[in-house]
Every structure is written in C-alpha cells, then in structure tokens.
Amino acid sequence: MKTRVVVTLKPSVLDPQGKAIEGALKSLGLEGVASVRQGKVFDIELAGVEGEAADRLLREACEKLLANTIVENYAIQHD
C-alpha cells in the first residue's frame, strides 16, 4: 500500500522559510503570490498492512517521529 503523509505548520505558527520563499518569488517578478507556507512530504510504502491497521501505524509514525504535533499538523493520504 502506498501512502503519502503531508506535514505542515499550524496556521498560528510563524513560517520564516515560507516568508523567505514568498519574498524570493516576488523578487523574481512572479506576481500574484499572496503567501507561501512550506512543509514536508513523506511517501511511505507499507507491506502487509492495510485498512485501519495502516492508519494506526501511520498515525503512530507521525506522532512519534514525522511531525512535531505541538506546531505541525499532518494529513495521511492513501493511493
């Protein structure tokens, strides 16, 4: 089973990297960029785990390692 975990900063957390990217895009003349927030993407392939067990495993991975849940949100997407 192929999955993707997307980790992003919570809206209330400042994102200096996103601001720097936003400024760089604007300095390149790319008009219309209102704001940028950066994050992380993890493509994970699971073997022998499906359904609710897969969701439990991925949530545990996010809570223990992939995301700092104090300042980040995560979303799990299945292919």
PDB file of N, CA and C in Angstrom:
ATOM      1  N   MET A   1       0.846  -1.173   0.000  1.00  0.00           N
ATOM      2  CA  MET A   1       0.000   0.000   0.000  1.00  0.00           C
ATOM      3  C   MET A   1       0.893   1.238   0.000  1.00  0.00           C
ATOM      4  N   LYS A   2       0.645   2.138  -0.917  1.00  0.00           N
ATOM      5  CA  LYS A   2       1.398   3.386  -0.979  1.00  0.00           C
ATOM      6  C   LYS A   2       0.613   4.490  -0.294  1.00  0.00           C
ATOM      7  N   THR A   3       1.311   5.257   0.511  1.00  0.00           N
ATOM      8  CA  THR A   3       0.675   6.358   1.229  1.00  0.00           C
ATOM      9  C   THR A   3       1.559   7.592   1.144  1.00  0.00           C
ATOM     10  N   ARG A   4       0.962   8.712   1.430  1.00  0.00           N
ATOM     11  CA  ARG A   4       1.690   9.976   1.499  1.00  0.00           C
ATOM     12  C   ARG A   4       1.263  10.669   2.777  1.00  0.00           C
ATOM     13  N   VAL A   5       2.255  11.166   3.511  1.00  0.00           N
ATOM     14  CA  VAL A   5       1.996  11.956   4.713  1.00  0.00           C
ATOM     15  C   VAL A   5       2.477  13.368   4.424  1.00  0.00           C
ATOM     16  N   VAL A   6       1.583  14.340   4.591  1.00  0.00           N
ATOM     17  CA  VAL A   6       1.916  15.747   4.378  1.00  0.00           C
ATOM     18  C   VAL A   6       1.909  16.429   5.739  1.00  0.00           C
ATOM     19  N   VAL A   7       3.035  17.051   6.074  1.00  0.00           N
ATOM     20  CA  VAL A   7       3.191  17.731   7.359  1.00  0.00           C
ATOM     21  C   VAL A   7       3.335  19.230   7.087  1.00  0.00           C
ATOM     22  N   THR A   8       2.505  20.025   7.739  1.00  0.00           N
ATOM     23  CA  THR A   8       2.547  21.474   7.568  1.00  0.00           C
ATOM     24  C   THR A   8       2.499  22.153   8.935  1.00  0.00           C
ATOM     25  N   LEU A   9       3.028  23.363   8.975  1.00  0.00           N
ATOM     26  CA  LEU A   9       2.950  24.129  10.210  1.00  0.00           C
ATOM     27  C   LEU A   9       1.505  24.523  10.491  1.00  0.00           C
ATOM     28  N   LYS A  10       1.145  24.555  11.754  1.00  0.00           N
ATOM     29  CA  LYS A  10      -0.185  25.019  12.131  1.00  0.00           C
ATOM     30  C   LYS A  10      -0.313  26.486  11.721  1.00  0.00           C
ATOM     31  N   PRO A  11      -1.528  26.921  11.358  1.00  0.00           N
ATOM     32  CA  PRO A  11      -1.718  28.302  10.884  1.00  0.00           C
ATOM     33  C   PRO A  11      -1.227  29.366  11.861  1.00  0.00           C
ATOM     34  N   SER A  12      -1.265  29.086  13.146  1.00  0.00           N
ATOM     35  CA  SER A  12      -0.867  30.092  14.141  1.00  0.00           C
ATOM     36  C   SER A  12       0.649  30.192  14.326  1.00  0.00           C
ATOM     37  N   VAL A  13       1.412  29.295  13.674  1.00  0.00           N
ATOM     38  CA  VAL A  13       2.870  29.273  13.832  1.00  0.00           C
ATOM     39  C   VAL A  13       3.519  30.067  12.705  1.00  0.00           C
ATOM     40  N   LEU A  14       4.452  30.950  13.061  1.00  0.00           N
ATOM     41  CA  LEU A  14       5.184  31.721  12.053  1.00  0.00           C
ATOM     42  C   LEU A  14       6.010  30.782  11.185  1.00  0.00           C
ATOM     43  N   ASP A  15       6.132  31.109   9.899  1.00  0.00           N
ATOM     44  CA  ASP A  15       6.848  30.283   8.934  1.00  0.00           C
ATOM     45  C   ASP A  15       7.915  31.116   8.232  1.00  0.00           C
ATOM     46  N   PRO A  16       9.099  31.275   8.848  1.00  0.00           N
ATOM     47  CA  PRO A  16      10.127  32.119   8.229  1.00  0.00           C
ATOM     48  C   PRO A  16      10.609  31.593   6.881  1.00  0.00           C
ATOM     49  N   GLN A  17      10.669  30.269   6.707  1.00  0.00           N
ATOM     50  CA  GLN A  17      11.071  29.729   5.405  1.00  0.00           C
ATOM     51  C   GLN A  17      10.034  30.071   4.343  1.00  0.00           C
ATOM     52  N   GLY A  18       8.776  29.941   4.694  1.00  0.00           N
ATOM     53  CA  GLY A  18       7.717  30.296   3.753  1.00  0.00           C
ATOM     54  C   GLY A  18       7.790  31.760   3.364  1.00  0.00           C
ATOM     55  N   LYS A  19       8.056  32.630   4.350  1.00  0.00           N
ATOM     56  CA  LYS A  19       8.180  34.063   4.065  1.00  0.00           C
ATOM     57  C   LYS A  19       9.366  34.334   3.143  1.00  0.00           C
ATOM     58  N   ALA A  20      10.492  33.645   3.371  1.00  0.00           N
ATOM     59  CA  ALA A  20      11.667  33.822   2.521  1.00  0.00           C
ATOM     60  C   ALA A  20      11.383  33.370   1.090  1.00  0.00           C
ATOM     61  N   ILE A  21      10.684  32.260   0.944  1.00  0.00           N
ATOM     62  CA  ILE A  21      10.312  31.765  -0.389  1.00  0.00           C
ATOM     63  C   ILE A  21       9.363  32.745  -1.066  1.00  0.00           C
ATOM     64  N   GLU A  22       8.403  33.237  -0.298  1.00  0.00           N
ATOM     65  CA  GLU A  22       7.466  34.237  -0.825  1.00  0.00           C
ATOM     66  C   GLU A  22       8.212  35.456  -1.349  1.00  0.00           C
ATOM     67  N   GLY A  23       9.156  35.974  -0.552  1.00  0.00           N
ATOM     68  CA  GLY A  23       9.939  37.131  -0.973  1.00  0.00           C
ATOM     69  C   GLY A  23      10.764  36.841  -2.211  1.00  0.00           C
ATOM     70  N   ALA A  24      11.355  35.647  -2.285  1.00  0.00           N
ATOM     71  CA  ALA A  24      12.163  35.280  -3.449  1.00  0.00           C
ATOM     72  C   ALA A  24      11.305  35.192  -4.705  1.00  0.00           C
ATOM     73  N   LEU A  25      10.131  34.606  -4.596  1.00  0.00           N
ATOM     74  CA  LEU A  25       9.238  34.508  -5.750  1.00  0.00           C
ATOM     75  C   LEU A  25       8.849  35.890  -6.252  1.00  0.00           C
ATOM     76  N   LYS A  26       8.540  36.786  -5.306  1.00  0.00           N
ATOM     77  CA  LYS A  26       8.161  38.147  -5.690  1.00  0.00           C
ATOM     78  C   LYS A  26       9.335  38.883  -6.324  1.00  0.00           C
ATOM     79  N   SER A  27      10.552  38.659  -5.793  1.00  0.00           N
ATOM     80  CA  SER A  27      11.726  39.325  -6.372  1.00  0.00           C
ATOM     81  C   SER A  27      12.048  38.800  -7.773  1.00  0.00           C
ATOM     82  N   LEU A  28      11.580  37.607  -8.082  1.00  0.00           N
ATOM     83  CA  LEU A  28      11.737  37.050  -9.427  1.00  0.00           C
ATOM     84  C   LEU A  28      10.672  37.568 -10.391  1.00  0.00           C
ATOM     85  N   GLY A  29       9.789  38.418  -9.883  1.00  0.00           N
ATOM     86  CA  GLY A  29       8.763  39.011 -10.730  1.00  0.00           C
ATOM     87  C   GLY A  29       7.515  38.160 -10.885  1.00  0.00           C
ATOM     88  N   LEU A  30       7.353  37.165 -10.039  1.00  0.00           N
ATOM     89  CA  LEU A  30       6.163  36.316 -10.111  1.00  0.00           C
ATOM     90  C   LEU A  30       5.031  37.000  -9.353  1.00  0.00           C
ATOM     91  N   GLU A  31       4.220  37.732 -10.089  1.00  0.00           N
ATOM     92  CA  GLU A  31       3.118  38.493  -9.496  1.00  0.00           C
ATOM     93  C   GLU A  31       1.967  37.556  -9.135  1.00  0.00           C
ATOM     94  N   GLY A  32       1.241  37.932  -8.112  1.00  0.00           N
ATOM     95  CA  GLY A  32       0.064  37.173  -7.715  1.00  0.00           C
ATOM     96  C   GLY A  32       0.305  36.209  -6.563  1.00  0.00           C
ATOM     97  N   VAL A  33       1.548  36.078  -6.111  1.00  0.00           N
ATOM     98  CA  VAL A  33       1.832  35.212  -4.959  1.00  0.00           C
ATOM     99  C   VAL A  33       1.466  35.991  -3.697  1.00  0.00           C
ATOM    100  N   ALA A  34       0.421  35.536  -3.018  1.00  0.00           N
ATOM    101  CA  ALA A  34      -0.047  36.237  -1.826  1.00  0.00           C
ATOM    102  C   ALA A  34       0.699  35.779  -0.576  1.00  0.00           C
ATOM    103  N   SER A  35       0.942  34.473  -0.467  1.00  0.00           N
ATOM    104  CA  SER A  35       1.678  33.955   0.683  1.00  0.00           C
ATOM    105  C   SER A  35       2.156  32.543   0.376  1.00  0.00           C
ATOM    106  N   VAL A  36       3.170  32.115   1.127  1.00  0.00           N
ATOM    107  CA  VAL A  36       3.723  30.774   0.965  1.00  0.00           C
ATOM    108  C   VAL A  36       3.916  30.170   2.348  1.00  0.00           C
ATOM    109  N   ARG A  37       3.510  28.927   2.513  1.00  0.00           N
ATOM    110  CA  ARG A  37       3.782  28.151   3.727  1.00  0.00           C
ATOM    111  C   ARG A  37       4.469  26.881   3.262  1.00  0.00           C
ATOM    112  N   GLN A  38       5.562  26.532   3.880  1.00  0.00           N
ATOM    113  CA  GLN A  38       6.295  25.347   3.459  1.00  0.00           C
ATOM    114  C   GLN A  38       5.974  24.178   4.383  1.00  0.00           C
ATOM    115  N   GLY A  39       6.257  22.983   3.907  1.00  0.00           N
ATOM    116  CA  GLY A  39       6.003  21.784   4.699  1.00  0.00           C
ATOM    117  C   GLY A  39       6.882  20.638   4.243  1.00  0.00           C
ATOM    118  N   LYS A  40       6.513  19.432   4.650  1.00  0.00           N
ATOM    119  CA  LYS A  40       7.263  18.230   4.317  1.00  0.00           C
ATOM    120  C   LYS A  40       6.300  17.194   3.757  1.00  0.00           C
ATOM    121  N   VAL A  41       6.824  16.369   2.837  1.00  0.00           N
ATOM    122  CA  VAL A  41       6.047  15.269   2.267  1.00  0.00           C
ATOM    123  C   VAL A  41       6.836  13.980   2.448  1.00  0.00           C
ATOM    124  N   PHE A  42       6.180  12.942   2.939  1.00  0.00           N
ATOM    125  CA  PHE A  42       6.779  11.625   3.091  1.00  0.00           C
ATOM    126  C   PHE A  42       5.968  10.635   2.268  1.00  0.00           C
ATOM    127  N   ASP A  43       6.603   9.985   1.304  1.00  0.00           N
ATOM    128  CA  ASP A  43       5.964   8.903   0.557  1.00  0.00           C
ATOM    129  C   ASP A  43       6.384   7.603   1.225  1.00  0.00           C
ATOM    130  N   ILE A  44       5.405   6.862   1.716  1.00  0.00           N
ATOM    131  CA  ILE A  44       5.665   5.654   2.501  1.00  0.00           C
ATOM    132  C   ILE A  44       4.941   4.480   1.850  1.00  0.00           C
ATOM    133  N   GLU A  45       5.661   3.392   1.654  1.00  0.00           N
ATOM    134  CA  GLU A  45       5.050   2.167   1.139  1.00  0.00           C
ATOM    135  C   GLU A  45       4.971   1.163   2.279  1.00  0.00           C
ATOM    136  N   LEU A  46       3.771   0.676   2.542  1.00  0.00           N
ATOM    137  CA  LEU A  46       3.549  -0.289   3.611  1.00  0.00           C
ATOM    138  C   LEU A  46       3.439  -1.695   3.023  1.00  0.00           C
ATOM    139  N   ALA A  47       3.946  -2.670   3.728  1.00  0.00           N
ATOM    140  CA  ALA A  47       3.862  -4.065   3.286  1.00  0.00           C
ATOM    141  C   ALA A  47       3.093  -4.867   4.326  1.00  0.00           C
ATOM    142  N   GLY A  48       2.059  -5.543   3.886  1.00  0.00           N
ATOM    143  CA  GLY A  48       1.306  -6.422   4.766  1.00  0.00           C
ATOM    144  C   GLY A  48       0.419  -5.719   5.767  1.00  0.00           C
ATOM    145  N   VAL A  49       0.201  -4.429   5.582  1.00  0.00           N
ATOM    146  CA  VAL A  49      -0.659  -3.671   6.497  1.00  0.00           C
ATOM    147  C   VAL A  49      -1.653  -2.887   5.660  1.00  0.00           C
ATOM    148  N   GLU A  50      -2.940  -3.010   6.003  1.00  0.00           N
ATOM    149  CA  GLU A  50      -3.979  -2.296   5.261  1.00  0.00           C
ATOM    150  C   GLU A  50      -5.056  -1.787   6.201  1.00  0.00           C
ATOM    151  N   GLY A  51      -5.934  -0.974   5.659  1.00  0.00           N
ATOM    152  CA  GLY A  51      -7.113  -0.506   6.386  1.00  0.00           C
ATOM    153  C   GLY A  51      -6.790   0.242   7.665  1.00  0.00           C
ATOM    154  N   GLU A  52      -7.545  -0.083   8.708  1.00  0.00           N
ATOM    155  CA  GLU A  52      -7.414   0.611   9.992  1.00  0.00           C
ATOM    156  C   GLU A  52      -6.039   0.389  10.618  1.00  0.00           C
ATOM    157  N   ALA A  53      -5.459  -0.801  10.412  1.00  0.00           N
ATOM    158  CA  ALA A  53      -4.121  -1.079  10.946  1.00  0.00           C
ATOM    159  C   ALA A  53      -3.091  -0.150  10.299  1.00  0.00           C
ATOM    160  N   ALA A  54      -3.226   0.097   9.015  1.00  0.00           N
ATOM    161  CA  ALA A  54      -2.320   1.009   8.308  1.00  0.00           C
ATOM    162  C   ALA A  54      -2.484   2.424   8.843  1.00  0.00           C
ATOM    163  N   ASP A  55      -3.724   2.846   9.034  1.00  0.00           N
ATOM    164  CA  ASP A  55      -3.977   4.185   9.576  1.00  0.00           C
ATOM    165  C   ASP A  55      -3.370   4.334  10.968  1.00  0.00           C
ATOM    166  N   ARG A  56      -3.522   3.309  11.805  1.00  0.00           N
ATOM    167  CA  ARG A  56      -2.947   3.346  13.153  1.00  0.00           C
ATOM    168  C   ARG A  56      -1.424   3.456  13.092  1.00  0.00           C
ATOM    169  N   LEU A  57      -0.811   2.643  12.242  1.00  0.00           N
ATOM    170  CA  LEU A  57       0.640   2.651  12.092  1.00  0.00           C
ATOM    171  C   LEU A  57       1.142   4.024  11.638  1.00  0.00           C
ATOM    172  N   LEU A  58       0.469   4.604  10.650  1.00  0.00           N
ATOM    173  CA  LEU A  58       0.885   5.905  10.121  1.00  0.00           C
ATOM    174  C   LEU A  58       0.670   7.027  11.130  1.00  0.00           C
ATOM    175  N   ARG A  59      -0.434   6.989  11.862  1.00  0.00           N
ATOM    176  CA  ARG A  59      -0.660   7.989  12.912  1.00  0.00           C
ATOM    177  C   ARG A  59       0.429   7.905  13.980  1.00  0.00           C
ATOM    178  N   GLU A  60       0.795   6.679  14.346  1.00  0.00           N
ATOM    179  CA  GLU A  60       1.845   6.488  15.339  1.00  0.00           C
ATOM    180  C   GLU A  60       3.184   7.028  14.821  1.00  0.00           C
ATOM    181  N   ALA A  61       3.486   6.767  13.547  1.00  0.00           N
ATOM    182  CA  ALA A  61       4.722   7.277  12.946  1.00  0.00           C
ATOM    183  C   ALA A  61       4.737   8.801  12.964  1.00  0.00           C
ATOM    184  N   CYS A  62       3.608   9.406  12.662  1.00  0.00           N
ATOM    185  CA  CYS A  62       3.516  10.870  12.673  1.00  0.00           C
ATOM    186  C   CYS A  62       3.679  11.419  14.078  1.00  0.00           C
ATOM    187  N   GLU A  63       2.991  10.821  15.020  1.00  0.00           N
ATOM    188  CA  GLU A  63       3.024  11.314  16.398  1.00  0.00           C
ATOM    189  C   GLU A  63       4.407  11.145  17.034  1.00  0.00           C
ATOM    190  N   LYS A  64       5.124  10.065  16.670  1.00  0.00           N
ATOM    191  CA  LYS A  64       6.409   9.775  17.305  1.00  0.00           C
ATOM    192  C   LYS A  64       7.604  10.377  16.578  1.00  0.00           C
ATOM    193  N   LEU A  65       7.496  10.581  15.243  1.00  0.00           N
ATOM    194  CA  LEU A  65       8.687  10.992  14.518  1.00  0.00           C
ATOM    195  C   LEU A  65       8.457  12.030  13.420  1.00  0.00           C
ATOM    196  N   LEU A  66       7.474  11.813  12.571  1.00  0.00           N
ATOM    197  CA  LEU A  66       7.355  12.616  11.353  1.00  0.00           C
ATOM    198  C   LEU A  66       6.890  14.040  11.590  1.00  0.00           C
ATOM    199  N   ALA A  67       6.067  14.258  12.609  1.00  0.00           N
ATOM    200  CA  ALA A  67       5.514  15.591  12.858  1.00  0.00           C
ATOM    201  C   ALA A  67       5.716  15.985  14.315  1.00  0.00           C
ATOM    202  N   ASN A  68       6.022  17.246  14.519  1.00  0.00           N
ATOM    203  CA  ASN A  68       6.039  17.817  15.863  1.00  0.00           C
ATOM    204  C   ASN A  68       4.635  18.369  16.084  1.00  0.00           C
ATOM    205  N   THR A  69       3.786  17.593  16.719  1.00  0.00           N
ATOM    206  CA  THR A  69       2.359  17.933  16.784  1.00  0.00           C
ATOM    207  C   THR A  69       2.059  19.166  17.631  1.00  0.00           C
ATOM    208  N   ILE A  70       3.062  19.709  18.289  1.00  0.00           N
ATOM    209  CA  ILE A  70       2.853  20.967  19.021  1.00  0.00           C
ATOM    210  C   ILE A  70       2.711  22.109  18.021  1.00  0.00           C
ATOM    211  N   VAL A  71       3.499  22.073  16.942  1.00  0.00           N
ATOM    212  CA  VAL A  71       3.494  23.172  15.972  1.00  0.00           C
ATOM    213  C   VAL A  71       3.104  22.738  14.557  1.00  0.00           C
ATOM    214  N   GLU A  72       2.917  21.429  14.341  1.00  0.00           N
ATOM    215  CA  GLU A  72       2.621  20.941  12.988  1.00  0.00           C
ATOM    216  C   GLU A  72       1.352  20.095  12.955  1.00  0.00           C
ATOM    217  N   ASN A  73       0.681  20.148  11.820  1.00  0.00           N
ATOM    218  CA  ASN A  73      -0.438  19.261  11.506  1.00  0.00           C
ATOM    219  C   ASN A  73       0.058  18.235  10.504  1.00  0.00           C
ATOM    220  N   TYR A  74      -0.628  17.111  10.414  1.00  0.00           N
ATOM    221  CA  TYR A  74      -0.300  16.134   9.388  1.00  0.00           C
ATOM    222  C   TYR A  74      -1.572  15.575   8.771  1.00  0.00           C
ATOM    223  N   ALA A  75      -1.440  15.158   7.512  1.00  0.00           N
ATOM    224  CA  ALA A  75      -2.556  14.529   6.800  1.00  0.00           C
ATOM    225  C   ALA A  75      -2.030  13.280   6.127  1.00  0.00           C
ATOM    226  N   ILE A  76      -2.788  12.198   6.232  1.00  0.00           N
ATOM    227  CA  ILE A  76      -2.424  10.929   5.625  1.00  0.00           C
ATOM    228  C   ILE A  76      -3.293  10.705   4.409  1.00  0.00           C
ATOM    229  N   GLN A  77      -2.633  10.418   3.286  1.00  0.00           N
ATOM    230  CA  GLN A  77      -3.345  10.196   2.013  1.00  0.00           C
ATOM    231  C   GLN A  77      -2.989   8.810   1.494  1.00  0.00           C
ATOM    232  N   HIS A  78      -3.996   8.037   1.126  1.00  0.00           N
ATOM    233  CA  HIS A  78      -3.770   6.709   0.557  1.00  0.00           C
ATOM    234  C   HIS A  78      -3.967   6.757  -0.951  1.00  0.00           C
ATOM    235  N   ASP A  79      -3.124   6.028  -1.674  1.00  0.00           N
ATOM    236  CA  ASP A  79      -3.294   5.928  -3.130  1.00  0.00           C
ATOM    237  C   ASP A  79      -4.344   4.917  -3.480  1.00  0.00           C
TER     238      ASP A  79
END
